[in-house]
Amino acid sequence: MLANMSPKKNPMPEQDPLVRNKNFEEVSKGYTKEMAMDEAGRCLNCKAKPCVSGCPVNVRIPEFIHAVAEGDFDGAYEIITSTNRLPAICGRVCPQESQCEGKCVRGKNGEPVGIGRLERFVADWHMENGKEAVKAPVSNGHKVAIIGSGPSGLSCAGDLAKEGYDVTIFEAFHNAGGVLVYGIPEFRLPKAIVRREIENLKAMGVKVETNTIIGRTVSVDELFHQGFEAVYIGSGAGLPQFMHIPGESLLGVYSANEYLTRINLMKAYKDGYDTPIAKSKAVAVIGGGNVAMDAARCAKRMGAETVYIVYRRSEEELPARAEEVHHAKEEEIIFRLLNAPVEIHGDDKGRVCDMECVEMELGEPDASGRRRPIEKKGSNFKLDVDTVIVAIGTSPNPLIKSTTEGLEANKKGCIVADDAGATTREGVFAGGDAVTGAATVIMAMGAGKKAAESIKAYIASKQ
């Protein structure tokens, strides 16, 4: 097949912005077979393979892309899943622009190869056309407990299960999937895809126990008493942070976690589900990350006429993916940049009626390397809103560390673990957001993979 030297990626087919901002169907429709093969032809198959070094789970990117270019989609799937257990998910939500695609040679004189789009295509093609059923490997007799069924826990479970470990995942919610089901909206990641990936793990022998809160239902110590030889904590960072400004206790103020959980996990967006949620006309979302974009775009789809993103820095400093910002703007989300809230006002019934903000300007860089926002004196103004969603970050829930002897945490509440996932408690490993604080799906998966290797070595050392 001749190389495709176009400087541009094949565009991704998408719903019209003013149609999709009223529904929860997936925004991006995915490549056709012809588009995928054409895009794969843009890969130069570099000897140095810089894209692989940019991937936290080291997917063999040029190899799978070459298979796509040849029309060998089954072969491409086998190559991807040799290192990545969740390709349909990663192809949709990974920040490829700052990872694999960020290192693509084609990006020096044009757009990088659409690696994420190709990974998604291969995973979707396999879901529709794959004929070989997933089989459970022969058991090796060793039991491992996984706390949390988000991307880190699923990745760790998959890597252990394929080598015969008896793996049980313990999940606090009634559905498995962690942030993949409660945090990321349907229009970005259809939940049927998450369910399919979890069913594949179950077919490999992984057991999933839902409605189990580690530290309340059962403790880490009790898991060891039950015969588990190692425990992996991949419980994420689900504890929301707030601004600590007047008015945050008013009716109509949500954490982004609560708002997204009500919509995504509790199906507030679907007819037939009686999930309590605000019927908003005007919404202010505080924050500039991917979670803020998700909350704002959900609010628009839930019927809000006006939705603001209120962020204290400029667009250059927005931490959200460029694609998510672009999609939000297309969907008529209003960006109030260099603005910060100082107080939320309520009516005589204790409900939000407006939010007072100030204008900001950027000063010298702070510890994060971003320019520090400084308040402009006398710049106060009000936004007429009836709902405020706070999306300024999360931290790990303290329950597990507070109920597990010998498990250390840092000042931010994150569990202390080394690069291989070992914690200060023997036999207990941790990774993902529970260790790093809120990060990306693929970084959490990478931590789960590393921990799986550490757990195998640990168990082997005890024989």
Protein backbone atom coordinates (compact mmCIF):
# COMPACT_ATOMS: atom_id res chain seq x y z
CA MET A 1 0.00 0.00 0.00
CA LEU A 2 1.36 3.44 -0.98
CA ALA A 3 2.19 5.83 1.84
CA ASN A 4 -0.32 8.61 2.47
CA MET A 5 1.72 11.81 2.71
CA SER A 6 -1.22 14.09 3.47
CA PRO A 7 -0.29 16.57 6.25
CA LYS A 8 -3.81 16.28 7.67
CA LYS A 9 -5.52 13.47 9.59
CA ASN A 10 -8.63 11.93 8.14
CA PRO A 11 -11.37 13.98 9.86
CA MET A 12 -13.51 12.19 12.41
CA PRO A 13 -17.20 11.96 11.47
CA GLU A 14 -19.25 13.70 14.18
CA GLN A 15 -22.80 14.67 15.03
CA ASP A 16 -23.79 18.25 14.22
CA PRO A 17 -22.98 20.36 17.32
CA LEU A 18 -26.44 21.91 17.64
CA VAL A 19 -28.07 18.49 17.36
CA ARG A 20 -25.73 16.62 19.69
CA ASN A 21 -25.97 19.23 22.47
CA LYS A 22 -29.53 18.00 22.98
CA ASN A 23 -28.80 14.26 23.13
CA PHE A 24 -26.44 11.85 24.88
CA GLU A 25 -25.49 9.82 21.81
CA GLU A 26 -21.79 9.51 21.07
CA VAL A 27 -20.38 12.68 19.50
CA SER A 28 -17.73 11.02 17.35
CA LYS A 29 -18.94 8.29 15.02
CA GLY A 30 -15.64 6.57 14.29
CA TYR A 31 -13.70 5.82 11.11
CA THR A 32 -14.98 3.61 8.34
CA LYS A 33 -12.76 0.73 7.18
CA GLU A 34 -11.59 2.82 4.21
CA MET A 35 -10.81 5.87 6.35
CA ALA A 36 -8.88 3.75 8.86
CA MET A 37 -6.73 2.11 6.17
CA ASP A 38 -6.06 5.49 4.56
CA GLU A 39 -5.08 7.05 7.90
CA ALA A 40 -2.86 4.06 8.72
CA GLY A 41 -1.04 4.76 5.45
CA ARG A 42 0.21 8.03 6.97
CA CYS A 43 2.42 6.14 9.47
CA LEU A 44 6.11 6.17 8.48
CA ASN A 45 6.87 3.09 10.62
CA CYS A 46 9.85 4.88 12.21
CA LYS A 47 12.69 2.71 13.49
CA ALA A 48 12.93 4.72 16.71
CA LYS A 49 9.16 4.39 17.37
CA PRO A 50 8.87 7.59 19.47
CA CYS A 51 5.09 7.13 19.72
CA VAL A 52 5.54 3.96 21.80
CA SER A 53 7.63 5.81 24.37
CA GLY A 54 4.77 8.31 24.73
CA CYS A 55 2.27 5.58 25.64
CA PRO A 56 2.00 4.75 29.38
CA VAL A 57 1.18 1.10 28.54
CA ASN A 58 3.65 0.86 25.61
CA VAL A 59 1.22 -0.23 22.91
CA ARG A 60 3.17 -1.49 19.87
CA ILE A 61 1.80 1.37 17.82
CA PRO A 62 3.61 1.12 14.44
CA GLU A 63 2.95 -2.63 14.36
CA PHE A 64 -0.79 -2.36 14.90
CA ILE A 65 -1.05 0.55 12.46
CA HIS A 66 0.81 -1.46 9.79
CA ALA A 67 -1.71 -4.28 10.30
CA VAL A 68 -4.57 -1.80 9.83
CA ALA A 69 -2.99 -0.51 6.62
CA GLU A 70 -2.90 -4.11 5.36
CA GLY A 71 -6.54 -4.65 6.31
CA ASP A 72 -5.61 -7.16 9.03
CA PHE A 73 -7.88 -5.81 11.76
CA ASP A 74 -7.83 -9.03 13.81
CA GLY A 75 -4.04 -8.92 13.83
CA ALA A 76 -4.10 -5.25 14.84
CA TYR A 77 -6.39 -6.09 17.77
CA GLU A 78 -4.09 -8.87 18.98
CA ILE A 79 -1.11 -6.49 18.87
CA ILE A 80 -2.92 -3.77 20.84
CA THR A 81 -4.32 -6.11 23.49
CA SER A 82 -0.94 -7.69 24.13
CA THR A 83 -0.26 -4.59 26.27
CA ASN A 84 -3.62 -2.76 26.58
CA ARG A 85 -6.67 -4.52 28.02
CA LEU A 86 -9.10 -1.64 27.29
CA PRO A 87 -8.50 -0.40 23.72
CA ALA A 88 -12.08 0.73 22.98
CA ILE A 89 -11.94 2.93 26.06
CA CYS A 90 -8.43 4.30 25.51
CA GLY A 91 -9.18 5.07 21.88
CA ARG A 92 -11.94 7.39 23.08
CA VAL A 93 -10.71 9.10 26.24
CA CYS A 94 -6.88 9.06 26.23
CA PRO A 95 -5.12 12.43 25.74
CA GLN A 96 -3.22 11.14 22.70
CA GLU A 97 -2.24 14.67 21.71
CA SER A 98 0.08 14.89 24.73
CA GLN A 99 1.20 11.25 24.69
CA CYS A 100 1.66 8.98 21.66
CA GLU A 101 0.53 11.49 19.02
CA GLY A 102 2.54 14.19 20.75
CA LYS A 103 5.70 12.29 19.82
CA CYS A 104 4.64 11.29 16.27
CA VAL A 105 7.19 12.36 13.64
CA ARG A 106 4.39 13.33 11.23
CA GLY A 107 3.39 16.02 13.71
CA LYS A 108 6.56 18.02 12.99
CA ASN A 109 5.33 19.15 9.57
CA GLY A 110 1.60 18.68 9.88
CA GLU A 111 -0.82 16.68 11.98
CA PRO A 112 0.31 13.48 13.71
CA VAL A 113 -1.13 10.11 12.70
CA GLY A 114 -4.58 9.62 14.28
CA ILE A 115 -3.35 6.88 16.61
CA GLY A 116 -6.28 7.15 19.03
CA ARG A 117 -8.82 7.09 16.21
CA LEU A 118 -7.18 3.98 14.77
CA GLU A 119 -7.09 2.24 18.16
CA ARG A 120 -10.79 2.98 18.58
CA PHE A 121 -11.55 1.68 15.07
CA VAL A 122 -9.71 -1.60 15.69
CA ALA A 123 -11.44 -2.16 19.06
CA ASP A 124 -14.88 -1.37 17.65
CA TRP A 125 -14.28 -3.57 14.60
CA HIS A 126 -13.33 -6.47 16.86
CA MET A 127 -16.43 -5.98 19.02
CA GLU A 128 -18.63 -6.23 15.93
CA ASN A 129 -16.72 -8.89 13.98
CA GLY A 130 -14.52 -10.84 16.39
CA LYS A 131 -15.53 -14.49 16.52
CA GLU A 132 -13.12 -16.03 19.01
CA ALA A 133 -14.59 -16.16 22.51
CA VAL A 134 -12.50 -15.07 25.49
CA LYS A 135 -11.37 -18.08 27.53
CA ALA A 136 -10.26 -18.39 31.13
CA PRO A 137 -6.64 -19.57 31.49
CA VAL A 138 -5.71 -22.48 33.74
CA SER A 139 -5.67 -21.37 37.39
CA ASN A 140 -2.33 -21.09 39.13
CA GLY A 141 -3.99 -21.24 42.57
CA HIS A 142 -3.01 -17.76 43.78
CA LYS A 143 -5.65 -15.27 44.97
CA VAL A 144 -5.42 -11.48 44.53
CA ALA A 145 -7.93 -8.83 45.64
CA ILE A 146 -8.42 -5.64 43.64
CA ILE A 147 -10.10 -2.66 45.33
CA GLY A 148 -11.88 -0.50 42.75
CA SER A 149 -13.13 -1.36 39.27
CA GLY A 150 -11.92 1.76 37.48
CA PRO A 151 -9.26 1.71 34.76
CA SER A 152 -6.38 0.98 37.16
CA GLY A 153 -8.12 -1.93 38.84
CA LEU A 154 -9.39 -3.38 35.55
CA SER A 155 -5.94 -3.18 33.99
CA CYS A 156 -4.28 -4.87 36.97
CA ALA A 157 -7.00 -7.54 37.07
CA GLY A 158 -6.66 -8.30 33.36
CA ASP A 159 -2.90 -8.69 33.46
CA LEU A 160 -3.11 -11.05 36.45
CA ALA A 161 -6.07 -13.05 35.17
CA LYS A 162 -4.46 -13.85 31.82
CA GLU A 163 -1.71 -15.66 33.75
CA GLY A 164 -4.08 -17.73 35.83
CA TYR A 165 -4.41 -15.70 39.03
CA ASP A 166 -7.72 -15.97 40.89
CA VAL A 167 -8.75 -12.30 40.90
CA THR A 168 -11.67 -10.69 42.70
CA ILE A 169 -12.53 -7.02 42.19
CA PHE A 170 -14.36 -5.22 45.01
CA GLU A 171 -16.44 -2.21 43.92
CA ALA A 172 -18.31 0.21 46.21
CA PHE A 173 -20.97 1.14 43.66
CA HIS A 174 -23.71 -1.14 42.30
CA ASN A 175 -22.12 -1.18 38.83
CA ALA A 176 -18.50 -1.92 37.95
CA GLY A 177 -16.39 0.53 35.94
CA GLY A 178 -15.45 3.27 38.40
CA VAL A 179 -14.94 6.68 36.82
CA LEU A 180 -15.60 5.12 33.41
CA VAL A 181 -19.28 4.73 34.33
CA TYR A 182 -19.93 7.44 36.93
CA GLY A 183 -17.69 10.22 35.62
CA ILE A 184 -17.32 10.12 31.83
CA PRO A 185 -20.58 10.92 29.99
CA GLU A 186 -22.29 8.58 27.55
CA PHE A 187 -21.61 10.94 24.64
CA ARG A 188 -17.86 10.51 25.17
CA LEU A 189 -17.79 6.88 26.30
CA PRO A 190 -20.86 4.69 25.74
CA LYS A 191 -21.42 2.50 28.79
CA ALA A 192 -22.11 -0.56 26.63
CA ILE A 193 -18.41 -0.49 25.73
CA VAL A 194 -17.37 -0.46 29.38
CA ARG A 195 -19.75 -3.34 30.13
CA ARG A 196 -18.31 -5.33 27.23
CA GLU A 197 -14.74 -4.88 28.48
CA ILE A 198 -15.78 -5.97 31.99
CA GLU A 199 -17.61 -9.02 30.59
CA ASN A 200 -14.39 -9.98 28.80
CA LEU A 201 -12.56 -9.89 32.13
CA LYS A 202 -15.26 -12.04 33.72
CA ALA A 203 -14.89 -14.53 30.88
CA MET A 204 -11.21 -14.73 31.84
CA GLY A 205 -12.29 -15.74 35.35
CA VAL A 206 -12.27 -12.37 37.14
CA LYS A 207 -14.97 -12.11 39.83
CA VAL A 208 -16.61 -8.75 40.60
CA GLU A 209 -18.20 -8.02 43.98
CA THR A 210 -20.25 -4.79 43.85
CA ASN A 211 -21.79 -2.86 46.79
CA THR A 212 -18.66 -3.61 48.81
CA ILE A 213 -17.02 -0.71 50.64
CA ILE A 214 -13.51 -1.60 51.75
CA GLY A 215 -13.08 -0.25 55.27
CA ARG A 216 -16.78 -0.69 56.05
CA THR A 217 -18.17 -3.89 54.45
CA VAL A 218 -14.83 -5.63 54.78
CA SER A 219 -11.34 -4.46 55.74
CA VAL A 220 -7.99 -5.02 54.02
CA ASP A 221 -6.96 -7.19 56.98
CA GLU A 222 -10.05 -9.35 56.51
CA LEU A 223 -9.19 -9.82 52.83
CA PHE A 224 -5.88 -11.36 53.85
CA HIS A 225 -7.72 -13.58 56.38
CA GLN A 226 -9.94 -14.74 53.50
CA GLY A 227 -6.89 -16.13 51.70
CA PHE A 228 -5.94 -13.32 49.37
CA GLU A 229 -2.15 -13.22 49.04
CA ALA A 230 -1.95 -9.64 47.80
CA VAL A 231 -4.24 -6.61 47.62
CA TYR A 232 -4.18 -3.87 44.98
CA ILE A 233 -5.80 -0.53 45.84
CA GLY A 234 -7.08 1.20 42.71
CA SER A 235 -9.90 3.08 44.38
CA GLY A 236 -9.36 6.35 42.54
CA ALA A 237 -9.83 9.89 43.80
CA GLY A 238 -13.54 10.39 44.30
CA LEU A 239 -13.59 12.90 47.15
CA PRO A 240 -14.56 16.31 45.70
CA GLN A 241 -12.79 19.53 46.62
CA PHE A 242 -14.66 22.79 47.18
CA MET A 243 -13.76 26.47 46.99
CA HIS A 244 -14.68 27.38 50.60
CA ILE A 245 -16.52 30.54 49.59
CA PRO A 246 -19.83 31.81 51.05
CA GLY A 247 -22.90 30.14 49.60
CA GLU A 248 -21.49 26.70 48.77
CA SER A 249 -24.12 25.04 50.98
CA LEU A 250 -27.05 26.52 49.02
CA LEU A 251 -29.52 24.34 47.12
CA GLY A 252 -28.34 24.09 43.53
CA VAL A 253 -24.62 23.79 44.30
CA TYR A 254 -23.15 20.45 43.25
CA SER A 255 -19.73 18.88 43.16
CA ALA A 256 -19.01 17.75 39.60
CA ASN A 257 -18.71 14.19 40.96
CA GLU A 258 -22.23 14.22 42.34
CA TYR A 259 -23.70 15.90 39.27
CA LEU A 260 -22.03 13.51 36.83
CA THR A 261 -22.84 10.46 38.96
CA ARG A 262 -26.53 11.36 39.00
CA ILE A 263 -26.51 11.73 35.22
CA ASN A 264 -24.21 8.89 34.18
CA LEU A 265 -24.51 6.13 36.77
CA MET A 266 -28.03 6.94 37.98
CA LYS A 267 -29.29 7.63 34.42
CA ALA A 268 -30.88 11.03 35.08
CA TYR A 269 -30.60 11.74 31.35
CA LYS A 270 -32.90 8.82 30.47
CA ASP A 271 -36.68 8.82 30.42
CA GLY A 272 -38.05 6.34 32.91
CA TYR A 273 -35.41 7.04 35.58
CA ASP A 274 -36.68 9.12 38.52
CA THR A 275 -33.25 10.46 39.50
CA PRO A 276 -33.37 13.71 41.53
CA ILE A 277 -31.39 16.42 39.75
CA ALA A 278 -31.71 20.19 39.27
CA LYS A 279 -33.82 21.40 36.36
CA SER A 280 -31.51 24.27 35.51
CA LYS A 281 -31.93 27.28 33.26
CA ALA A 282 -28.49 28.83 33.76
CA VAL A 283 -25.45 26.91 35.02
CA ALA A 284 -21.96 27.97 36.05
CA VAL A 285 -19.28 25.26 36.07
CA ILE A 286 -16.19 26.24 38.05
CA GLY A 287 -12.96 24.78 36.68
CA GLY A 288 -11.15 24.19 33.41
CA GLY A 289 -10.33 20.47 33.27
CA ASN A 290 -11.95 17.59 31.42
CA VAL A 291 -14.40 17.06 34.30
CA ALA A 292 -15.54 20.68 34.02
CA MET A 293 -16.08 20.22 30.26
CA ASP A 294 -18.06 17.02 30.90
CA ALA A 295 -20.25 18.72 33.51
CA ALA A 296 -20.91 21.76 31.30
CA ARG A 297 -21.75 19.67 28.25
CA CYS A 298 -24.04 17.46 30.34
CA ALA A 299 -25.83 20.51 31.77
CA LYS A 300 -26.52 21.76 28.24
CA ARG A 301 -27.93 18.37 27.25
CA MET A 302 -30.07 18.30 30.41
CA GLY A 303 -31.89 21.39 29.16
CA ALA A 304 -30.01 24.40 30.53
CA GLU A 305 -30.39 27.40 28.23
CA THR A 306 -27.09 29.00 29.29
CA VAL A 307 -23.98 27.21 30.53
CA TYR A 308 -20.79 28.97 31.59
CA ILE A 309 -17.30 27.63 32.18
CA VAL A 310 -15.78 29.93 34.80
CA TYR A 311 -11.99 29.58 34.93
CA ARG A 312 -9.52 31.83 36.68
CA ARG A 313 -6.74 31.56 34.09
CA SER A 314 -6.65 32.11 30.32
CA GLU A 315 -7.43 29.62 27.55
CA GLU A 316 -3.73 28.90 27.17
CA GLU A 317 -3.69 27.42 30.69
CA LEU A 318 -6.88 25.34 30.37
CA PRO A 319 -5.95 21.81 31.52
CA ALA A 320 -8.75 20.14 29.53
CA ARG A 321 -7.99 18.36 26.27
CA ALA A 322 -8.08 20.67 23.27
CA GLU A 323 -10.65 18.39 21.65
CA GLU A 324 -12.98 18.69 24.63
CA VAL A 325 -12.67 22.49 24.68
CA HIS A 326 -13.35 22.58 20.94
CA HIS A 327 -16.43 20.39 21.29
CA ALA A 328 -17.73 22.47 24.21
CA LYS A 329 -17.42 25.68 22.21
CA GLU A 330 -19.19 24.10 19.24
CA GLU A 331 -22.02 23.13 21.59
CA GLU A 332 -22.49 26.76 22.69
CA ILE A 333 -20.86 26.53 26.11
CA ILE A 334 -19.82 30.08 27.11
CA PHE A 335 -16.27 30.45 28.42
CA ARG A 336 -15.76 33.10 31.11
CA LEU A 337 -11.97 33.02 31.31
CA LEU A 338 -9.86 35.05 33.75
CA ASN A 339 -12.86 35.05 36.07
CA ALA A 340 -13.13 33.60 39.58
CA PRO A 341 -16.12 33.18 41.91
CA VAL A 342 -16.06 34.87 45.31
CA GLU A 343 -19.60 34.25 46.62
CA ILE A 344 -22.77 32.37 45.68
CA HIS A 345 -25.99 34.20 46.58
CA GLY A 346 -29.30 32.57 47.44
CA ASP A 347 -32.97 33.55 47.46
CA ASP A 348 -35.30 33.46 50.48
CA LYS A 349 -35.76 29.70 50.01
CA GLY A 350 -32.03 28.95 50.14
CA ARG A 351 -31.65 28.32 46.43
CA VAL A 352 -28.92 29.69 44.18
CA CYS A 353 -29.97 32.92 42.46
CA ASP A 354 -26.63 34.31 41.23
CA MET A 355 -22.86 34.04 41.61
CA GLU A 356 -20.56 36.95 42.30
CA CYS A 357 -17.23 36.84 40.44
CA VAL A 358 -14.13 38.96 39.99
CA GLU A 359 -11.91 39.45 36.99
CA MET A 360 -8.37 38.11 37.13
CA GLU A 361 -5.05 38.86 35.46
CA LEU A 362 -2.01 36.61 35.15
CA GLY A 363 1.15 37.29 37.15
CA GLU A 364 4.37 35.33 37.52
CA PRO A 365 4.41 31.48 37.22
CA ASP A 366 3.57 29.53 40.39
CA ALA A 367 4.88 26.11 41.54
CA SER A 368 2.88 24.38 38.79
CA GLY A 369 4.65 26.44 36.11
CA ARG A 370 1.44 28.25 35.18
CA ARG A 371 1.11 32.00 35.63
CA ARG A 372 -0.53 32.84 38.94
CA PRO A 373 -3.98 34.49 38.68
CA ILE A 374 -4.27 37.81 40.52
CA GLU A 375 -7.56 39.48 41.37
CA LYS A 376 -8.37 42.84 39.77
CA LYS A 377 -9.59 45.09 42.56
CA GLY A 378 -13.08 46.51 42.07
CA SER A 379 -13.91 44.19 39.14
CA ASN A 380 -16.78 42.37 40.85
CA PHE A 381 -19.78 41.34 38.74
CA LYS A 382 -22.66 38.86 38.96
CA LEU A 383 -23.66 35.92 36.80
CA ASP A 384 -27.38 35.14 36.90
CA VAL A 385 -27.37 31.37 37.44
CA ASP A 386 -29.56 28.92 39.34
CA THR A 387 -27.02 26.07 39.48
CA VAL A 388 -23.31 26.00 40.32
CA ILE A 389 -21.15 22.92 39.65
CA VAL A 390 -17.74 22.83 41.33
CA ALA A 391 -15.13 21.00 39.24
CA ILE A 392 -11.83 22.11 40.77
CA GLY A 393 -10.37 18.70 41.57
CA THR A 394 -10.71 15.59 43.72
CA SER A 395 -8.66 13.65 46.25
CA PRO A 396 -8.69 10.02 47.43
CA ASN A 397 -11.30 9.02 49.98
CA PRO A 398 -9.52 8.57 53.36
CA LEU A 399 -11.54 5.49 54.38
CA ILE A 400 -9.13 2.77 53.20
CA LYS A 401 -5.97 4.33 54.61
CA SER A 402 -7.69 5.19 57.90
CA THR A 403 -8.83 1.58 58.40
CA THR A 404 -5.65 -0.17 57.25
CA GLU A 405 -2.76 -0.44 59.69
CA GLY A 406 0.69 0.32 58.28
CA LEU A 407 -0.58 2.10 55.16
CA GLU A 408 0.95 5.57 54.83
CA ALA A 409 -0.51 8.54 52.98
CA ASN A 410 0.90 11.95 52.10
CA LYS A 411 -0.42 15.39 53.05
CA LYS A 412 -2.85 15.33 50.12
CA GLY A 413 -4.37 12.06 51.28
CA CYS A 414 -2.77 10.00 48.52
CA ILE A 415 -1.47 6.54 49.41
CA VAL A 416 2.33 6.38 49.42
CA ALA A 417 3.61 3.81 46.90
CA ASP A 418 6.85 3.35 44.97
CA ASP A 419 7.13 3.30 41.17
CA ALA A 420 6.29 -0.40 41.14
CA GLY A 421 3.14 0.11 43.22
CA ALA A 422 4.40 -1.29 46.54
CA THR A 423 3.02 0.53 49.59
CA THR A 424 4.34 0.74 53.14
CA ARG A 425 2.19 -2.28 54.10
CA GLU A 426 3.57 -5.66 53.02
CA GLY A 427 1.40 -7.36 50.42
CA VAL A 428 -0.56 -4.20 49.69
CA PHE A 429 -0.02 -2.42 46.38
CA ALA A 430 -1.63 0.75 45.04
CA GLY A 431 -1.75 2.85 41.91
CA GLY A 432 -3.72 5.26 39.77
CA ASP A 433 -5.52 8.25 41.23
CA ALA A 434 -5.40 6.76 44.74
CA VAL A 435 -1.63 7.38 44.61
CA THR A 436 -1.20 10.31 42.21
CA GLY A 437 -4.43 12.21 42.74
CA ALA A 438 -6.73 12.81 39.77
CA ALA A 439 -4.97 11.98 36.48
CA THR A 440 -5.79 10.28 33.16
CA VAL A 441 -7.34 6.89 32.41
CA ILE A 442 -4.23 5.66 30.61
CA MET A 443 -1.90 6.74 33.43
CA ALA A 444 -4.07 4.76 35.85
CA MET A 445 -3.93 1.76 33.53
CA GLY A 446 -0.16 2.02 33.35
CA ALA A 447 0.02 1.97 37.15
CA GLY A 448 -2.22 -1.11 37.22
CA LYS A 449 0.06 -2.93 34.78
CA LYS A 450 3.18 -2.12 36.81
CA ALA A 451 1.50 -3.27 40.01
CA ALA A 452 0.45 -6.54 38.39
CA GLU A 453 4.11 -7.28 37.66
CA SER A 454 5.05 -6.37 41.24
CA ILE A 455 2.29 -8.58 42.65
CA LYS A 456 3.46 -11.55 40.58
CA ALA A 457 7.02 -11.06 41.81
CA TYR A 458 5.84 -10.65 45.41
CA ILE A 459 3.77 -13.84 45.38
CA ALA A 460 6.58 -15.75 43.71
CA SER A 461 8.99 -14.60 46.43
CA LYS A 462 6.74 -16.16 49.08
CA GLN A 463 6.80 -19.63 47.56
